[in-house]
């Protein structure tokens, strides 16, 4: 497994971590101090805001999990991948893709998210 693949899996694991302390510890490890997450639903600047954004998504979609939906495509300090959100082993209720920009140390610095399918 490539280093980029592992980093993306760590990133997605944060979205599935429901223990607030464990999620925050993972955010502190995986994201830079100046983290920025942007998608059509909002902007989160800084680790505290990213943590709040993830927590809000978990409250909105309890019991659903994020998973990779295909391969991670990467070059230089950028990766893109498609993700799904749905019940464990079930059909995806939401689908999107993220573009991740890594800092020099390999941590996530910026994420640009796009939504392709959303629940009605």
PDB file of N, CA and C in Angstrom:
ATOM      1  N   UNK A   1       0.839  -1.175   0.000  1.00  0.00           N
ATOM      2  CA  UNK A   1       0.000   0.000   0.000  1.00  0.00           C
ATOM      3  C   UNK A   1       0.887   1.241   0.000  1.00  0.00           C
ATOM      4  N   UNK A   2       0.535   2.193  -0.833  1.00  0.00           N
ATOM      5  CA  UNK A   2       1.350   3.400  -0.930  1.00  0.00           C
ATOM      6  C   UNK A   2       1.167   4.288   0.296  1.00  0.00           C
ATOM      7  N   UNK A   3       2.153   5.151   0.501  1.00  0.00           N
ATOM      8  CA  UNK A   3       2.091   6.110   1.591  1.00  0.00           C
ATOM      9  C   UNK A   3       0.877   7.022   1.443  1.00  0.00           C
ATOM     10  N   UNK A   4       0.596   7.468   0.232  1.00  0.00           N
ATOM     11  CA  UNK A   4      -0.550   8.341  -0.010  1.00  0.00           C
ATOM     12  C   UNK A   4      -1.850   7.592   0.301  1.00  0.00           C
ATOM     13  N   UNK A   5      -1.943   6.356  -0.112  1.00  0.00           N
ATOM     14  CA  UNK A   5      -3.133   5.544   0.182  1.00  0.00           C
ATOM     15  C   UNK A   5      -3.351   5.458   1.693  1.00  0.00           C
ATOM     16  N   UNK A   6      -2.291   5.226   2.444  1.00  0.00           N
ATOM     17  CA  UNK A   6      -2.401   5.145   3.902  1.00  0.00           C
ATOM     18  C   UNK A   6      -2.855   6.475   4.491  1.00  0.00           C
ATOM     19  N   UNK A   7      -2.316   7.566   3.999  1.00  0.00           N
ATOM     20  CA  UNK A   7      -2.708   8.880   4.513  1.00  0.00           C
ATOM     21  C   UNK A   7      -4.179   9.173   4.224  1.00  0.00           C
ATOM     22  N   UNK A   8      -4.653   8.784   3.057  1.00  0.00           N
ATOM     23  CA  UNK A   8      -6.069   8.992   2.732  1.00  0.00           C
ATOM     24  C   UNK A   8      -6.940   8.108   3.617  1.00  0.00           C
ATOM     25  N   UNK A   9      -6.515   6.897   3.868  1.00  0.00           N
ATOM     26  CA  UNK A   9      -7.283   6.024   4.760  1.00  0.00           C
ATOM     27  C   UNK A   9      -7.317   6.583   6.179  1.00  0.00           C
ATOM     28  N   UNK A  10      -6.216   7.189   6.634  1.00  0.00           N
ATOM     29  CA  UNK A  10      -6.211   7.844   7.943  1.00  0.00           C
ATOM     30  C   UNK A  10      -7.187   9.029   7.949  1.00  0.00           C
ATOM     31  N   UNK A  11      -7.175   9.780   6.865  1.00  0.00           N
ATOM     32  CA  UNK A  11      -8.080  10.919   6.726  1.00  0.00           C
ATOM     33  C   UNK A  11      -9.541  10.461   6.820  1.00  0.00           C
ATOM     34  N   UNK A  12      -9.901   9.417   6.080  1.00  0.00           N
ATOM     35  CA  UNK A  12     -11.271   8.916   6.106  1.00  0.00           C
ATOM     36  C   UNK A  12     -11.627   8.333   7.469  1.00  0.00           C
ATOM     37  N   UNK A  13     -10.673   7.705   8.130  1.00  0.00           N
ATOM     38  CA  UNK A  13     -10.927   7.128   9.453  1.00  0.00           C
ATOM     39  C   UNK A  13     -11.371   8.205  10.440  1.00  0.00           C
ATOM     40  N   UNK A  14     -10.867   9.420  10.270  1.00  0.00           N
ATOM     41  CA  UNK A  14     -11.290  10.531  11.130  1.00  0.00           C
ATOM     42  C   UNK A  14     -12.792  10.769  10.994  1.00  0.00           C
ATOM     43  N   UNK A  15     -13.298  10.696   9.772  1.00  0.00           N
ATOM     44  CA  UNK A  15     -14.727  10.921   9.541  1.00  0.00           C
ATOM     45  C   UNK A  15     -15.583   9.822  10.172  1.00  0.00           C
ATOM     46  N   UNK A  16     -14.985   8.662  10.439  1.00  0.00           N
ATOM     47  CA  UNK A  16     -15.719   7.544  11.034  1.00  0.00           C
ATOM     48  C   UNK A  16     -15.467   7.390  12.527  1.00  0.00           C
ATOM     49  N   UNK A  17     -14.565   8.181  13.080  1.00  0.00           N
ATOM     50  CA  UNK A  17     -14.229   8.065  14.503  1.00  0.00           C
ATOM     51  C   UNK A  17     -15.266   8.810  15.342  1.00  0.00           C
ATOM     52  N   UNK A  18     -16.058   8.074  16.106  1.00  0.00           N
ATOM     53  CA  UNK A  18     -17.145   8.683  16.874  1.00  0.00           C
ATOM     54  C   UNK A  18     -16.737   9.065  18.295  1.00  0.00           C
ATOM     55  N   UNK A  19     -15.599   8.588  18.775  1.00  0.00           N
ATOM     56  CA  UNK A  19     -15.116   9.002  20.091  1.00  0.00           C
ATOM     57  C   UNK A  19     -14.463  10.372  19.940  1.00  0.00           C
ATOM     58  N   UNK A  20     -15.009  11.407  20.573  1.00  0.00           N
ATOM     59  CA  UNK A  20     -14.495  12.764  20.367  1.00  0.00           C
ATOM     60  C   UNK A  20     -13.008  12.925  20.681  1.00  0.00           C
ATOM     61  N   UNK A  21     -12.532  12.317  21.751  1.00  0.00           N
ATOM     62  CA  UNK A  21     -11.112  12.457  22.121  1.00  0.00           C
ATOM     63  C   UNK A  21     -10.218  11.755  21.106  1.00  0.00           C
ATOM     64  N   UNK A  22     -10.610  10.567  20.670  1.00  0.00           N
ATOM     65  CA  UNK A  22      -9.819   9.836  19.677  1.00  0.00           C
ATOM     66  C   UNK A  22      -9.835  10.555  18.336  1.00  0.00           C
ATOM     67  N   UNK A  23     -11.000  11.121  17.982  1.00  0.00           N
ATOM     68  CA  UNK A  23     -11.099  11.857  16.711  1.00  0.00           C
ATOM     69  C   UNK A  23     -10.187  13.077  16.743  1.00  0.00           C
ATOM     70  N   UNK A  24     -10.207  13.800  17.850  1.00  0.00           N
ATOM     71  CA  UNK A  24      -9.373  14.996  17.944  1.00  0.00           C
ATOM     72  C   UNK A  24      -7.894  14.638  17.909  1.00  0.00           C
ATOM     73  N   UNK A  25      -7.506  13.558  18.575  1.00  0.00           N
ATOM     74  CA  UNK A  25      -6.104  13.129  18.545  1.00  0.00           C
ATOM     75  C   UNK A  25      -5.690  12.788  17.114  1.00  0.00           C
ATOM     76  N   UNK A  26      -6.572  12.140  16.371  1.00  0.00           N
ATOM     77  CA  UNK A  26      -6.272  11.794  14.975  1.00  0.00           C
ATOM     78  C   UNK A  26      -6.173  13.045  14.116  1.00  0.00           C
ATOM     79  N   UNK A  27      -7.057  14.009  14.338  1.00  0.00           N
ATOM     80  CA  UNK A  27      -6.992  15.271  13.590  1.00  0.00           C
ATOM     81  C   UNK A  27      -5.664  15.963  13.864  1.00  0.00           C
ATOM     82  N   UNK A  28      -5.253  16.005  15.113  1.00  0.00           N
ATOM     83  CA  UNK A  28      -3.985  16.652  15.466  1.00  0.00           C
ATOM     84  C   UNK A  28      -2.791  15.959  14.815  1.00  0.00           C
ATOM     85  N   UNK A  29      -2.904  14.656  14.603  1.00  0.00           N
ATOM     86  CA  UNK A  29      -1.809  13.900  13.975  1.00  0.00           C
ATOM     87  C   UNK A  29      -1.816  14.029  12.456  1.00  0.00           C
ATOM     88  N   UNK A  30      -2.983  13.989  11.852  1.00  0.00           N
ATOM     89  CA  UNK A  30      -3.112  13.898  10.394  1.00  0.00           C
ATOM     90  C   UNK A  30      -3.141  15.270   9.713  1.00  0.00           C
ATOM     91  N   UNK A  31      -3.712  16.285  10.360  1.00  0.00           N
ATOM     92  CA  UNK A  31      -3.887  17.605   9.772  1.00  0.00           C
ATOM     93  C   UNK A  31      -2.815  18.585  10.270  1.00  0.00           C
ATOM     94  N   UNK A  32      -2.484  19.570   9.448  1.00  0.00           N
ATOM     95  CA  UNK A  32      -1.590  20.646   9.872  1.00  0.00           C
ATOM     96  C   UNK A  32      -2.342  21.597  10.805  1.00  0.00           C
ATOM     97  N   UNK A  33      -1.588  22.465  11.456  1.00  0.00           N
ATOM     98  CA  UNK A  33      -2.189  23.457  12.352  1.00  0.00           C
ATOM     99  C   UNK A  33      -3.098  24.425  11.598  1.00  0.00           C
ATOM    100  N   UNK A  34      -2.766  24.708  10.344  1.00  0.00           N
ATOM    101  CA  UNK A  34      -3.533  25.654   9.532  1.00  0.00           C
ATOM    102  C   UNK A  34      -4.523  24.952   8.601  1.00  0.00           C
ATOM    103  N   UNK A  35      -5.054  23.846   9.046  1.00  0.00           N
ATOM    104  CA  UNK A  35      -5.953  23.026   8.250  1.00  0.00           C
ATOM    105  C   UNK A  35      -7.112  23.835   7.677  1.00  0.00           C
ATOM    106  N   UNK A  36      -7.475  23.511   6.429  1.00  0.00           N
ATOM    107  CA  UNK A  36      -8.661  24.113   5.797  1.00  0.00           C
ATOM    108  C   UNK A  36      -9.413  23.014   5.071  1.00  0.00           C
ATOM    109  N   UNK A  37     -10.716  22.910   5.363  1.00  0.00           N
ATOM    110  CA  UNK A  37     -11.602  21.977   4.674  1.00  0.00           C
ATOM    111  C   UNK A  37     -12.720  22.808   4.050  1.00  0.00           C
ATOM    112  N   UNK A  38     -12.959  22.600   2.754  1.00  0.00           N
ATOM    113  CA  UNK A  38     -13.982  23.350   2.028  1.00  0.00           C
ATOM    114  C   UNK A  38     -14.811  22.371   1.206  1.00  0.00           C
ATOM    115  N   UNK A  39     -16.137  22.441   1.349  1.00  0.00           N
ATOM    116  CA  UNK A  39     -17.032  21.714   0.452  1.00  0.00           C
ATOM    117  C   UNK A  39     -18.276  22.577   0.244  1.00  0.00           C
ATOM    118  N   UNK A  40     -19.232  22.128  -0.573  1.00  0.00           N
ATOM    119  CA  UNK A  40     -20.395  22.976  -0.847  1.00  0.00           C
ATOM    120  C   UNK A  40     -21.219  23.333   0.393  1.00  0.00           C
ATOM    121  N   UNK A  41     -21.042  22.585   1.483  1.00  0.00           N
ATOM    122  CA  UNK A  41     -21.834  22.820   2.682  1.00  0.00           C
ATOM    123  C   UNK A  41     -21.175  23.757   3.682  1.00  0.00           C
ATOM    124  N   UNK A  42     -19.881  24.047   3.482  1.00  0.00           N
ATOM    125  CA  UNK A  42     -19.246  24.945   4.418  1.00  0.00           C
ATOM    126  C   UNK A  42     -17.737  24.982   4.319  1.00  0.00           C
ATOM    127  N   UNK A  43     -17.162  25.791   5.197  1.00  0.00           N
ATOM    128  CA  UNK A  43     -15.710  25.964   5.273  1.00  0.00           C
ATOM    129  C   UNK A  43     -15.304  25.782   6.729  1.00  0.00           C
ATOM    130  N   UNK A  44     -14.252  25.012   6.939  1.00  0.00           N
ATOM    131  CA  UNK A  44     -13.693  24.820   8.280  1.00  0.00           C
ATOM    132  C   UNK A  44     -12.225  25.227   8.223  1.00  0.00           C
ATOM    133  N   UNK A  45     -11.864  26.220   9.023  1.00  0.00           N
ATOM    134  CA  UNK A  45     -10.482  26.695   9.045  1.00  0.00           C
ATOM    135  C   UNK A  45      -9.897  26.434  10.423  1.00  0.00           C
ATOM    136  N   UNK A  46      -8.853  25.625  10.471  1.00  0.00           N
ATOM    137  CA  UNK A  46      -8.215  25.250  11.723  1.00  0.00           C
ATOM    138  C   UNK A  46      -8.712  23.895  12.211  1.00  0.00           C
ATOM    139  N   UNK A  47      -7.906  23.274  13.054  1.00  0.00           N
ATOM    140  CA  UNK A  47      -8.233  21.936  13.545  1.00  0.00           C
ATOM    141  C   UNK A  47      -9.528  21.909  14.352  1.00  0.00           C
ATOM    142  N   UNK A  48      -9.777  22.934  15.163  1.00  0.00           N
ATOM    143  CA  UNK A  48     -11.014  22.970  15.943  1.00  0.00           C
ATOM    144  C   UNK A  48     -12.226  22.967  15.016  1.00  0.00           C
ATOM    145  N   UNK A  49     -12.166  23.762  13.974  1.00  0.00           N
ATOM    146  CA  UNK A  49     -13.282  23.842  13.033  1.00  0.00           C
ATOM    147  C   UNK A  49     -13.452  22.541  12.256  1.00  0.00           C
ATOM    148  N   UNK A  50     -12.339  21.916  11.855  1.00  0.00           N
ATOM    149  CA  UNK A  50     -12.425  20.620  11.168  1.00  0.00           C
ATOM    150  C   UNK A  50     -13.090  19.606  12.087  1.00  0.00           C
ATOM    151  N   UNK A  51     -12.670  19.574  13.344  1.00  0.00           N
ATOM    152  CA  UNK A  51     -13.257  18.652  14.318  1.00  0.00           C
ATOM    153  C   UNK A  51     -14.758  18.898  14.444  1.00  0.00           C
ATOM    154  N   UNK A  52     -15.166  20.147  14.535  1.00  0.00           N
ATOM    155  CA  UNK A  52     -16.581  20.476  14.627  1.00  0.00           C
ATOM    156  C   UNK A  52     -17.358  20.083  13.384  1.00  0.00           C
ATOM    157  N   UNK A  53     -16.750  20.266  12.223  1.00  0.00           N
ATOM    158  CA  UNK A  53     -17.386  19.929  10.951  1.00  0.00           C
ATOM    159  C   UNK A  53     -17.630  18.424  10.866  1.00  0.00           C
ATOM    160  N   UNK A  54     -16.607  17.643  11.237  1.00  0.00           N
ATOM    161  CA  UNK A  54     -16.732  16.182  11.207  1.00  0.00           C
ATOM    162  C   UNK A  54     -17.787  15.731  12.212  1.00  0.00           C
ATOM    163  N   UNK A  55     -17.751  16.291  13.419  1.00  0.00           N
ATOM    164  CA  UNK A  55     -18.739  15.930  14.430  1.00  0.00           C
ATOM    165  C   UNK A  55     -20.161  16.228  13.974  1.00  0.00           C
ATOM    166  N   UNK A  56     -20.358  17.360  13.312  1.00  0.00           N
ATOM    167  CA  UNK A  56     -21.685  17.719  12.799  1.00  0.00           C
ATOM    168  C   UNK A  56     -22.142  16.733  11.729  1.00  0.00           C
ATOM    169  N   UNK A  57     -21.234  16.307  10.862  1.00  0.00           N
ATOM    170  CA  UNK A  57     -21.583  15.315   9.830  1.00  0.00           C
ATOM    171  C   UNK A  57     -22.000  14.004  10.479  1.00  0.00           C
ATOM    172  N   UNK A  58     -21.301  13.607  11.528  1.00  0.00           N
ATOM    173  CA  UNK A  58     -21.654  12.369  12.224  1.00  0.00           C
ATOM    174  C   UNK A  58     -23.023  12.459  12.875  1.00  0.00           C
ATOM    175  N   UNK A  59     -23.360  13.622  13.426  1.00  0.00           N
ATOM    176  CA  UNK A  59     -24.685  13.811  14.025  1.00  0.00           C
ATOM    177  C   UNK A  59     -25.776  13.806  12.958  1.00  0.00           C
ATOM    178  N   UNK A  60     -25.466  14.353  11.799  1.00  0.00           N
ATOM    179  CA  UNK A  60     -26.445  14.403  10.715  1.00  0.00           C
ATOM    180  C   UNK A  60     -26.687  13.029  10.106  1.00  0.00           C
ATOM    181  N   UNK A  61     -25.649  12.185  10.096  1.00  0.00           N
ATOM    182  CA  UNK A  61     -25.743  10.865   9.469  1.00  0.00           C
ATOM    183  C   UNK A  61     -25.304   9.779  10.449  1.00  0.00           C
ATOM    184  N   UNK A  62     -26.014   9.611  11.566  1.00  0.00           N
ATOM    185  CA  UNK A  62     -25.590   8.627  12.568  1.00  0.00           C
ATOM    186  C   UNK A  62     -25.601   7.204  12.011  1.00  0.00           C
ATOM    187  N   UNK A  63     -24.580   6.452  12.369  1.00  0.00           N
ATOM    188  CA  UNK A  63     -24.497   5.059  11.968  1.00  0.00           C
ATOM    189  C   UNK A  63     -23.992   4.822  10.560  1.00  0.00           C
ATOM    190  N   UNK A  64     -23.756   5.890   9.786  1.00  0.00           N
ATOM    191  CA  UNK A  64     -23.246   5.725   8.425  1.00  0.00           C
ATOM    192  C   UNK A  64     -21.731   5.861   8.442  1.00  0.00           C
ATOM    193  N   UNK A  65     -21.078   5.251   7.459  1.00  0.00           N
ATOM    194  CA  UNK A  65     -19.618   5.278   7.404  1.00  0.00           C
ATOM    195  C   UNK A  65     -19.137   5.766   6.043  1.00  0.00           C
ATOM    196  N   UNK A  66     -18.005   6.452   6.092  1.00  0.00           N
ATOM    197  CA  UNK A  66     -17.318   6.879   4.875  1.00  0.00           C
ATOM    198  C   UNK A  66     -16.374   5.776   4.453  1.00  0.00           C
ATOM    199  N   UNK A  67     -16.278   5.538   3.156  1.00  0.00           N
ATOM    200  CA  UNK A  67     -15.349   4.535   2.624  1.00  0.00           C
ATOM    201  C   UNK A  67     -14.864   4.980   1.251  1.00  0.00           C
ATOM    202  N   UNK A  68     -13.663   4.503   0.912  1.00  0.00           N
ATOM    203  CA  UNK A  68     -13.133   4.763  -0.425  1.00  0.00           C
ATOM    204  C   UNK A  68     -13.997   4.073  -1.462  1.00  0.00           C
ATOM    205  N   UNK A  69     -14.167   4.711  -2.598  1.00  0.00           N
ATOM    206  CA  UNK A  69     -14.929   4.130  -3.704  1.00  0.00           C
ATOM    207  C   UNK A  69     -14.037   4.144  -4.932  1.00  0.00           C
ATOM    208  N   UNK A  70     -12.955   3.397  -4.874  1.00  0.00           N
ATOM    209  CA  UNK A  70     -12.013   3.359  -5.988  1.00  0.00           C
ATOM    210  C   UNK A  70     -10.613   3.682  -5.532  1.00  0.00           C
ATOM    211  N   UNK A  71      -9.756   3.858  -6.497  1.00  0.00           N
ATOM    212  CA  UNK A  71      -8.348   4.099  -6.222  1.00  0.00           C
ATOM    213  C   UNK A  71      -8.079   5.562  -5.908  1.00  0.00           C
ATOM    214  N   UNK A  72      -7.003   5.786  -5.186  1.00  0.00           N
ATOM    215  CA  UNK A  72      -6.515   7.129  -4.917  1.00  0.00           C
ATOM    216  C   UNK A  72      -5.583   7.510  -6.066  1.00  0.00           C
ATOM    217  N   UNK A  73      -5.807   8.669  -6.650  1.00  0.00           N
ATOM    218  CA  UNK A  73      -4.965   9.178  -7.732  1.00  0.00           C
ATOM    219  C   UNK A  73      -4.140  10.320  -7.149  1.00  0.00           C
ATOM    220  N   UNK A  74      -2.827  10.267  -7.306  1.00  0.00           N
ATOM    221  CA  UNK A  74      -1.980  11.281  -6.679  1.00  0.00           C
ATOM    222  C   UNK A  74      -0.785  11.627  -7.545  1.00  0.00           C
ATOM    223  N   UNK A  75      -0.327  12.849  -7.378  1.00  0.00           N
ATOM    224  CA  UNK A  75       0.947  13.297  -7.943  1.00  0.00           C
ATOM    225  C   UNK A  75       1.424  14.476  -7.102  1.00  0.00           C
ATOM    226  N   UNK A  76       2.711  14.659  -7.056  1.00  0.00           N
ATOM    227  CA  UNK A  76       3.335  15.723  -6.270  1.00  0.00           C
ATOM    228  C   UNK A  76       2.755  15.734  -4.853  1.00  0.00           C
ATOM    229  N   UNK A  77       2.152  16.826  -4.441  1.00  0.00           N
ATOM    230  CA  UNK A  77       1.606  16.920  -3.087  1.00  0.00           C
ATOM    231  C   UNK A  77       0.078  16.926  -3.081  1.00  0.00           C
ATOM    232  N   UNK A  78      -0.541  16.327  -4.115  1.00  0.00           N
ATOM    233  CA  UNK A  78      -1.992  16.366  -4.280  1.00  0.00           C
ATOM    234  C   UNK A  78      -2.529  14.949  -4.516  1.00  0.00           C
ATOM    235  N   UNK A  79      -3.675  14.676  -3.920  1.00  0.00           N
ATOM    236  CA  UNK A  79      -4.358  13.401  -4.152  1.00  0.00           C
ATOM    237  C   UNK A  79      -5.844  13.672  -4.342  1.00  0.00           C
ATOM    238  N   UNK A  80      -6.477  12.824  -5.129  1.00  0.00           N
ATOM    239  CA  UNK A  80      -7.927  12.900  -5.284  1.00  0.00           C
ATOM    240  C   UNK A  80      -8.489  11.490  -5.189  1.00  0.00           C
ATOM    241  N   UNK A  81      -9.701  11.409  -4.683  1.00  0.00           N
ATOM    242  CA  UNK A  81     -10.331  10.097  -4.524  1.00  0.00           C
ATOM    243  C   UNK A  81     -11.830  10.283  -4.382  1.00  0.00           C
ATOM    244  N   UNK A  82     -12.556   9.258  -4.740  1.00  0.00           N
ATOM    245  CA  UNK A  82     -13.999   9.233  -4.572  1.00  0.00           C
ATOM    246  C   UNK A  82     -14.320   8.498  -3.277  1.00  0.00           C
ATOM    247  N   UNK A  83     -15.293   9.001  -2.551  1.00  0.00           N
ATOM    248  CA  UNK A  83     -15.735   8.374  -1.319  1.00  0.00           C
ATOM    249  C   UNK A  83     -17.238   8.137  -1.390  1.00  0.00           C
ATOM    250  N   UNK A  84     -17.687   7.242  -0.539  1.00  0.00           N
ATOM    251  CA  UNK A  84     -19.110   6.953  -0.381  1.00  0.00           C
ATOM    252  C   UNK A  84     -19.460   7.070   1.089  1.00  0.00           C
ATOM    253  N   UNK A  85     -20.702   7.402   1.360  1.00  0.00           N
ATOM    254  CA  UNK A  85     -21.241   7.421   2.713  1.00  0.00           C
ATOM    255  C   UNK A  85     -22.501   6.572   2.720  1.00  0.00           C
ATOM    256  N   UNK A  86     -22.527   5.582   3.585  1.00  0.00           N
ATOM    257  CA  UNK A  86     -23.692   4.713   3.679  1.00  0.00           C
ATOM    258  C   UNK A  86     -23.567   3.775   4.851  1.00  0.00           C
ATOM    259  N   UNK A  87     -24.559   2.904   5.021  1.00  0.00           N
ATOM    260  CA  UNK A  87     -24.466   1.923   6.093  1.00  0.00           C
ATOM    261  C   UNK A  87     -23.345   0.930   5.792  1.00  0.00           C
ATOM    262  N   UNK A  88     -22.736   0.408   6.830  1.00  0.00           N
ATOM    263  CA  UNK A  88     -21.656  -0.577   6.671  1.00  0.00           C
ATOM    264  C   UNK A  88     -22.130  -1.702   5.756  1.00  0.00           C
ATOM    265  N   UNK A  89     -21.446  -1.906   4.630  1.00  0.00           N
ATOM    266  CA  UNK A  89     -21.789  -2.975   3.691  1.00  0.00           C
ATOM    267  C   UNK A  89     -23.016  -2.698   2.850  1.00  0.00           C
ATOM    268  N   UNK A  90     -23.623  -1.516   2.991  1.00  0.00           N
ATOM    269  CA  UNK A  90     -24.844  -1.201   2.254  1.00  0.00           C
ATOM    270  C   UNK A  90     -24.607  -0.204   1.141  1.00  0.00           C
ATOM    271  N   UNK A  91     -25.695   0.117   0.458  1.00  0.00           N
ATOM    272  CA  UNK A  91     -25.635   1.051  -0.661  1.00  0.00           C
ATOM    273  C   UNK A  91     -25.312   2.467  -0.178  1.00  0.00           C
ATOM    274  N   UNK A  92     -24.531   3.164  -0.966  1.00  0.00           N
ATOM    275  CA  UNK A  92     -24.147   4.537  -0.629  1.00  0.00           C
ATOM    276  C   UNK A  92     -25.337   5.475  -0.747  1.00  0.00           C
ATOM    277  N   UNK A  93     -25.513   6.308   0.278  1.00  0.00           N
ATOM    278  CA  UNK A  93     -26.544   7.336   0.247  1.00  0.00           C
ATOM    279  C   UNK A  93     -25.992   8.647  -0.293  1.00  0.00           C
ATOM    280  N   UNK A  94     -24.678   8.818  -0.152  1.00  0.00           N
ATOM    281  CA  UNK A  94     -23.998  10.009  -0.654  1.00  0.00           C
ATOM    282  C   UNK A  94     -22.692   9.583  -1.301  1.00  0.00           C
ATOM    283  N   UNK A  95     -22.296  10.302  -2.331  1.00  0.00           N
ATOM    284  CA  UNK A  95     -21.037  10.044  -3.035  1.00  0.00           C
ATOM    285  C   UNK A  95     -20.411  11.397  -3.345  1.00  0.00           C
ATOM    286  N   UNK A  96     -19.101  11.456  -3.204  1.00  0.00           N
ATOM    287  CA  UNK A  96     -18.405  12.676  -3.544  1.00  0.00           C
ATOM    288  C   UNK A  96     -16.950  12.393  -3.831  1.00  0.00           C
ATOM    289  N   UNK A  97     -16.203  13.432  -4.076  1.00  0.00           N
ATOM    290  CA  UNK A  97     -14.763  13.240  -4.198  1.00  0.00           C
ATOM    291  C   UNK A  97     -14.060  14.399  -3.535  1.00  0.00           C
ATOM    292  N   UNK A  98     -12.896  14.104  -3.011  1.00  0.00           N
ATOM    293  CA  UNK A  98     -12.084  15.099  -2.330  1.00  0.00           C
ATOM    294  C   UNK A  98     -10.751  15.239  -3.037  1.00  0.00           C
ATOM    295  N   UNK A  99     -10.237  16.452  -3.023  1.00  0.00           N
ATOM    296  CA  UNK A  99      -8.882  16.741  -3.480  1.00  0.00           C
ATOM    297  C   UNK A  99      -8.119  17.202  -2.242  1.00  0.00           C
ATOM    298  N   UNK A 100      -7.067  16.473  -1.907  1.00  0.00           N
ATOM    299  CA  UNK A 100      -6.279  16.742  -0.705  1.00  0.00           C
ATOM    300  C   UNK A 100      -4.933  17.325  -1.111  1.00  0.00           C
ATOM    301  N   UNK A 101      -4.554  18.395  -0.439  1.00  0.00           N
ATOM    302  CA  UNK A 101      -3.235  18.992  -0.626  1.00  0.00           C
ATOM    303  C   UNK A 101      -2.441  18.713   0.649  1.00  0.00           C
ATOM    304  N   UNK A 102      -1.290  18.077   0.481  1.00  0.00           N
ATOM    305  CA  UNK A 102      -0.443  17.713   1.615  1.00  0.00           C
ATOM    306  C   UNK A 102       0.626  18.767   1.855  1.00  0.00           C
ATOM    307  N   UNK A 103       0.966  18.950   3.118  1.00  0.00           N
ATOM    308  CA  UNK A 103       2.092  19.804   3.482  1.00  0.00           C
ATOM    309  C   UNK A 103       3.389  19.044   3.220  1.00  0.00           C
ATOM    310  N   UNK A 104       4.513  19.732   3.326  1.00  0.00           N
ATOM    311  CA  UNK A 104       5.813  19.088   3.088  1.00  0.00           C
ATOM    312  C   UNK A 104       6.048  17.896   3.997  1.00  0.00           C
ATOM    313  N   UNK A 105       5.509  17.933   5.210  1.00  0.00           N
ATOM    314  CA  UNK A 105       5.710  16.825   6.150  1.00  0.00           C
ATOM    315  C   UNK A 105       4.727  15.675   5.935  1.00  0.00           C
ATOM    316  N   UNK A 106       3.872  15.775   4.918  1.00  0.00           N
ATOM    317  CA  UNK A 106       2.948  14.696   4.586  1.00  0.00           C
ATOM    318  C   UNK A 106       1.589  14.804   5.239  1.00  0.00           C
ATOM    319  N   UNK A 107       1.412  15.772   6.136  1.00  0.00           N
ATOM    320  CA  UNK A 107       0.096  15.934   6.760  1.00  0.00           C
ATOM    321  C   UNK A 107      -0.871  16.642   5.814  1.00  0.00           C
ATOM    322  N   UNK A 108      -2.151  16.447   6.071  1.00  0.00           N
ATOM    323  CA  UNK A 108      -3.200  17.088   5.286  1.00  0.00           C
ATOM    324  C   UNK A 108      -3.219  18.575   5.633  1.00  0.00           C
ATOM    325  N   UNK A 109      -3.146  19.416   4.603  1.00  0.00           N
ATOM    326  CA  UNK A 109      -3.177  20.866   4.804  1.00  0.00           C
ATOM    327  C   UNK A 109      -4.504  21.459   4.353  1.00  0.00           C
ATOM    328  N   UNK A 110      -4.972  21.043   3.176  1.00  0.00           N
ATOM    329  CA  UNK A 110      -6.225  21.555   2.620  1.00  0.00           C
ATOM    330  C   UNK A 110      -6.988  20.410   1.971  1.00  0.00           C
ATOM    331  N   UNK A 111      -8.306  20.481   2.085  1.00  0.00           N
ATOM    332  CA  UNK A 111      -9.171  19.528   1.391  1.00  0.00           C
ATOM    333  C   UNK A 111     -10.256  20.322   0.689  1.00  0.00           C
ATOM    334  N   UNK A 112     -10.440  20.008  -0.590  1.00  0.00           N
ATOM    335  CA  UNK A 112     -11.507  20.596  -1.393  1.00  0.00           C
ATOM    336  C   UNK A 112     -12.469  19.455  -1.706  1.00  0.00           C
ATOM    337  N   UNK A 113     -13.673  19.511  -1.138  1.00  0.00           N
ATOM    338  CA  UNK A 113     -14.637  18.436  -1.305  1.00  0.00           C
ATOM    339  C   UNK A 113     -15.726  18.796  -2.294  1.00  0.00           C
ATOM    340  N   UNK A 114     -16.188  17.785  -3.005  1.00  0.00           N
ATOM    341  CA  UNK A 114     -17.268  17.939  -3.987  1.00  0.00           C
ATOM    342  C   UNK A 114     -18.306  16.846  -3.738  1.00  0.00           C
ATOM    343  N   UNK A 115     -19.571  17.182  -3.912  1.00  0.00           N
ATOM    344  CA  UNK A 115     -20.664  16.234  -3.692  1.00  0.00           C
ATOM    345  C   UNK A 115     -21.277  15.862  -5.034  1.00  0.00           C
ATOM    346  N   UNK A 116     -21.283  14.565  -5.336  1.00  0.00           N
ATOM    347  CA  UNK A 116     -21.856  14.084  -6.587  1.00  0.00           C
ATOM    348  C   UNK A 116     -23.265  13.529  -6.401  1.00  0.00           C
ATOM    349  N   UNK A 117     -23.516  12.960  -5.231  1.00  0.00           N
ATOM    350  CA  UNK A 117     -24.836  12.395  -4.923  1.00  0.00           C
ATOM    351  C   UNK A 117     -25.107  12.684  -3.460  1.00  0.00           C
ATOM    352  N   UNK A 118     -26.263  13.285  -3.174  1.00  0.00           N
ATOM    353  CA  UNK A 118     -26.619  13.591  -1.797  1.00  0.00           C
ATOM    354  C   UNK A 118     -28.009  13.028  -1.493  1.00  0.00           C
ATOM    355  N   UNK A 119     -28.251  12.686  -0.225  1.00  0.00           N
ATOM    356  CA  UNK A 119     -29.593  12.183   0.122  1.00  0.00           C
ATOM    357  C   UNK A 119     -30.647  13.264  -0.105  1.00  0.00           C
ATOM    358  N   UNK A 120     -31.816  12.852  -0.542  1.00  0.00           N
ATOM    359  CA  UNK A 120     -32.867  13.843  -0.791  1.00  0.00           C
ATOM    360  C   UNK A 120     -33.711  14.076   0.445  1.00  0.00           C
TER     361      UNK A 120
END
